[in-house]
C-alpha atoms as a PDB file:
ATOM      1  CA  UNK A   1     -61.501  52.051-233.909  1.00  0.00           C
ATOM      2  CA  UNK A   2     -62.962  55.325-232.676  1.00  0.00           C
ATOM      3  CA  UNK A   3     -61.017  58.125-231.033  1.00  0.00           C
ATOM      4  CA  UNK A   4     -62.884  57.412-227.793  1.00  0.00           C
ATOM      5  CA  UNK A   5     -61.823  53.741-227.888  1.00  0.00           C
ATOM      6  CA  UNK A   6     -58.221  54.717-228.617  1.00  0.00           C
ATOM      7  CA  UNK A   7     -58.215  57.169-225.699  1.00  0.00           C
ATOM      8  CA  UNK A   8     -59.655  54.489-223.411  1.00  0.00           C
ATOM      9  CA  UNK A   9     -57.021  51.968-224.524  1.00  0.00           C
ATOM     10  CA  UNK A  10     -54.275  54.529-223.875  1.00  0.00           C
ATOM     11  CA  UNK A  11     -55.660  55.229-220.389  1.00  0.00           C
ATOM     12  CA  UNK A  12     -55.861  51.517-219.581  1.00  0.00           C
ATOM     13  CA  UNK A  13     -52.306  51.031-220.839  1.00  0.00           C
ATOM     14  CA  UNK A  14     -51.078  53.873-218.624  1.00  0.00           C
ATOM     15  CA  UNK A  15     -52.737  52.206-215.635  1.00  0.00           C
ATOM     16  CA  UNK A  16     -51.244  48.840-216.629  1.00  0.00           C
ATOM     17  CA  UNK A  17     -47.725  50.295-216.713  1.00  0.00           C
ATOM     18  CA  UNK A  18     -48.132  52.096-213.410  1.00  0.00           C
ATOM     19  CA  UNK A  19     -49.731  49.131-211.640  1.00  0.00           C
ATOM     20  CA  UNK A  20     -47.738  46.245-213.099  1.00  0.00           C
ATOM     21  CA  UNK A  21     -48.859  42.897-211.798  1.00  0.00           C
ATOM     22  CA  UNK A  22     -52.189  44.352-210.666  1.00  0.00           C
ATOM     23  CA  UNK A  23     -53.658  45.971-213.779  1.00  0.00           C
ATOM     24  CA  UNK A  24     -51.797  43.666-216.158  1.00  0.00           C
ATOM     25  CA  UNK A  25     -49.662  40.574-216.289  1.00  0.00           C
ATOM     26  CA  UNK A  26     -45.941  41.191-216.593  1.00  0.00           C
ATOM     27  CA  UNK A  27     -43.452  39.153-218.562  1.00  0.00           C
ATOM     28  CA  UNK A  28     -39.740  39.811-218.124  1.00  0.00           C
ATOM     29  CA  UNK A  29     -37.495  38.237-220.745  1.00  0.00           C
ATOM     30  CA  UNK A  30     -34.429  36.190-219.899  1.00  0.00           C
ATOM     31  CA  UNK A  31     -32.107  39.036-220.875  1.00  0.00           C
ATOM     32  CA  UNK A  32     -33.746  41.353-218.334  1.00  0.00           C
ATOM     33  CA  UNK A  33     -33.906  38.559-215.749  1.00  0.00           C
ATOM     34  CA  UNK A  34     -30.137  38.087-215.990  1.00  0.00           C
ATOM     35  CA  UNK A  35     -29.438  41.713-215.082  1.00  0.00           C
ATOM     36  CA  UNK A  36     -28.647  42.614-211.469  1.00  0.00           C
ATOM     37  CA  UNK A  37     -31.753  43.133-209.307  1.00  0.00           C
ATOM     38  CA  UNK A  38     -30.957  46.834-208.919  1.00  0.00           C
ATOM     39  CA  UNK A  39     -30.953  47.283-212.704  1.00  0.00           C
ATOM     40  CA  UNK A  40     -34.202  45.344-213.007  1.00  0.00           C
ATOM     41  CA  UNK A  41     -35.817  47.666-210.451  1.00  0.00           C
ATOM     42  CA  UNK A  42     -34.586  50.781-212.240  1.00  0.00           C
ATOM     43  CA  UNK A  43     -35.827  49.455-215.587  1.00  0.00           C
ATOM     44  CA  UNK A  44     -39.227  48.715-214.083  1.00  0.00           C
ATOM     45  CA  UNK A  45     -39.420  52.270-212.725  1.00  0.00           C
ATOM     46  CA  UNK A  46     -38.479  53.656-216.133  1.00  0.00           C
ATOM     47  CA  UNK A  47     -41.294  51.650-217.715  1.00  0.00           C
ATOM     48  CA  UNK A  48     -43.780  52.803-215.054  1.00  0.00           C
ATOM     49  CA  UNK A  49     -42.829  56.445-215.580  1.00  0.00           C
ATOM     50  CA  UNK A  50     -42.365  56.349-219.356  1.00  0.00           C
ATOM     51  CA  UNK A  51     -44.004  59.322-221.059  1.00  0.00           C
ATOM     52  CA  UNK A  52     -41.792  59.952-224.110  1.00  0.00           C
ATOM     53  CA  UNK A  53     -44.485  59.040-226.614  1.00  0.00           C
ATOM     54  CA  UNK A  54     -43.954  60.276-230.155  1.00  0.00           C
ATOM     55  CA  UNK A  55     -45.586  59.569-233.508  1.00  0.00           C
ATOM     56  CA  UNK A  56     -42.707  57.140-234.174  1.00  0.00           C
ATOM     57  CA  UNK A  57     -43.255  54.955-231.104  1.00  0.00           C
ATOM     58  CA  UNK A  58     -46.982  55.626-230.688  1.00  0.00           C
ATOM     59  CA  UNK A  59     -48.472  55.772-234.204  1.00  0.00           C
ATOM     60  CA  UNK A  60     -51.920  54.496-233.147  1.00  0.00           C
ATOM     61  CA  UNK A  61     -52.135  56.582-229.951  1.00  0.00           C
ATOM     62  CA  UNK A  62     -52.532  53.581-227.649  1.00  0.00           C
ATOM     63  CA  UNK A  63     -49.327  54.135-225.635  1.00  0.00           C
ATOM     64  CA  UNK A  64     -48.542  50.421-225.879  1.00  0.00           C
ATOM     65  CA  UNK A  65     -44.810  50.576-226.682  1.00  0.00           C
ATOM     66  CA  UNK A  66     -41.743  52.364-225.419  1.00  0.00           C
ATOM     67  CA  UNK A  67     -37.977  52.260-225.720  1.00  0.00           C
ATOM     68  CA  UNK A  68     -35.168  53.740-223.660  1.00  0.00           C
ATOM     69  CA  UNK A  69     -31.540  53.134-222.830  1.00  0.00           C
ATOM     70  CA  UNK A  70     -30.312  51.836-219.488  1.00  0.00           C
ATOM     71  CA  UNK A  71     -26.586  51.417-218.841  1.00  0.00           C
ATOM     72  CA  UNK A  72     -25.913  51.490-222.560  1.00  0.00           C
ATOM     73  CA  UNK A  73     -28.487  48.797-223.359  1.00  0.00           C
ATOM     74  CA  UNK A  74     -31.616  49.506-225.388  1.00  0.00           C
ATOM     75  CA  UNK A  75     -34.750  48.370-223.533  1.00  0.00           C
ATOM     76  CA  UNK A  76     -38.169  47.822-225.112  1.00  0.00           C
ATOM     77  CA  UNK A  77     -41.518  47.363-223.434  1.00  0.00           C
ATOM     78  CA  UNK A  78     -44.755  46.372-225.146  1.00  0.00           C
ATOM     79  CA  UNK A  79     -48.358  45.819-224.098  1.00  0.00           C
ATOM     80  CA  UNK A  80     -50.441  43.185-225.878  1.00  0.00           C
ATOM     81  CA  UNK A  81     -54.172  42.547-225.538  1.00  0.00           C
ATOM     82  CA  UNK A  82     -55.540  39.047-225.003  1.00  0.00           C
ATOM     83  CA  UNK A  83     -58.995  37.588-224.521  1.00  0.00           C
ATOM     84  CA  UNK A  84     -59.722  36.229-221.065  1.00  0.00           C
ATOM     85  CA  UNK A  85     -58.806  32.709-222.204  1.00  0.00           C
ATOM     86  CA  UNK A  86     -55.280  33.984-223.038  1.00  0.00           C
ATOM     87  CA  UNK A  87     -55.460  31.972-226.281  1.00  0.00           C
ATOM     88  CA  UNK A  88     -56.843  34.667-228.554  1.00  0.00           C
ATOM     89  CA  UNK A  89     -56.465  38.383-229.022  1.00  0.00           C
ATOM     90  CA  UNK A  90     -59.028  40.589-227.334  1.00  0.00           C
ATOM     91  CA  UNK A  91     -61.922  41.637-229.543  1.00  0.00           C
ATOM     92  CA  UNK A  92     -62.092  44.993-227.746  1.00  0.00           C
ATOM     93  CA  UNK A  93     -58.944  46.198-225.940  1.00  0.00           C
ATOM     94  CA  UNK A  94     -60.930  49.225-224.727  1.00  0.00           C
ATOM     95  CA  UNK A  95     -63.086  46.910-222.584  1.00  0.00           C
ATOM     96  CA  UNK A  96     -61.192  45.663-219.507  1.00  0.00           C
ATOM     97  CA  UNK A  97     -63.934  43.117-218.768  1.00  0.00           C
ATOM     98  CA  UNK A  98     -62.866  41.157-221.848  1.00  0.00           C
ATOM     99  CA  UNK A  99     -59.171  42.015-222.049  1.00  0.00           C
ATOM    100  CA  UNK A 100     -56.051  40.810-220.268  1.00  0.00           C
ATOM    101  CA  UNK A 101     -53.114  43.132-220.772  1.00  0.00           C
ATOM    102  CA  UNK A 102     -49.671  41.559-220.923  1.00  0.00           C
ATOM    103  CA  UNK A 103     -46.720  43.894-220.536  1.00  0.00           C
ATOM    104  CA  UNK A 104     -43.397  42.503-221.761  1.00  0.00           C
ATOM    105  CA  UNK A 105     -40.069  44.121-220.834  1.00  0.00           C
ATOM    106  CA  UNK A 106     -37.111  43.020-222.934  1.00  0.00           C
ATOM    107  CA  UNK A 107     -33.696  43.874-224.223  1.00  0.00           C
ATOM    108  CA  UNK A 108     -34.049  45.291-227.750  1.00  0.00           C
ATOM    109  CA  UNK A 109     -31.881  42.448-229.051  1.00  0.00           C
ATOM    110  CA  UNK A 110     -34.507  39.973-227.808  1.00  0.00           C
ATOM    111  CA  UNK A 111     -37.257  41.485-229.952  1.00  0.00           C
END
């Protein structure tokens, strides 16, 4: 993967996080779903605004993973790249015309 492709993937992932449900599909795990609606909203905002990328959580530079704590619970989010048929991985995550982004928000214990 080239640096230009990695930068493009990171940009598309930023858009996906900030426009959940529009620029990507969103999957909320059962553990998140069981939290009060107010907590779910706060968690979603924390994912949308996440910018604490480090070499530990962003080793490939794609900005496709993050972790934070909310009310004492560790929360993970992750973006995966699928082909348009949603059965295979995307051959080129830098190309939005052939990639569906799926953002999953979960309790760390559900990982």
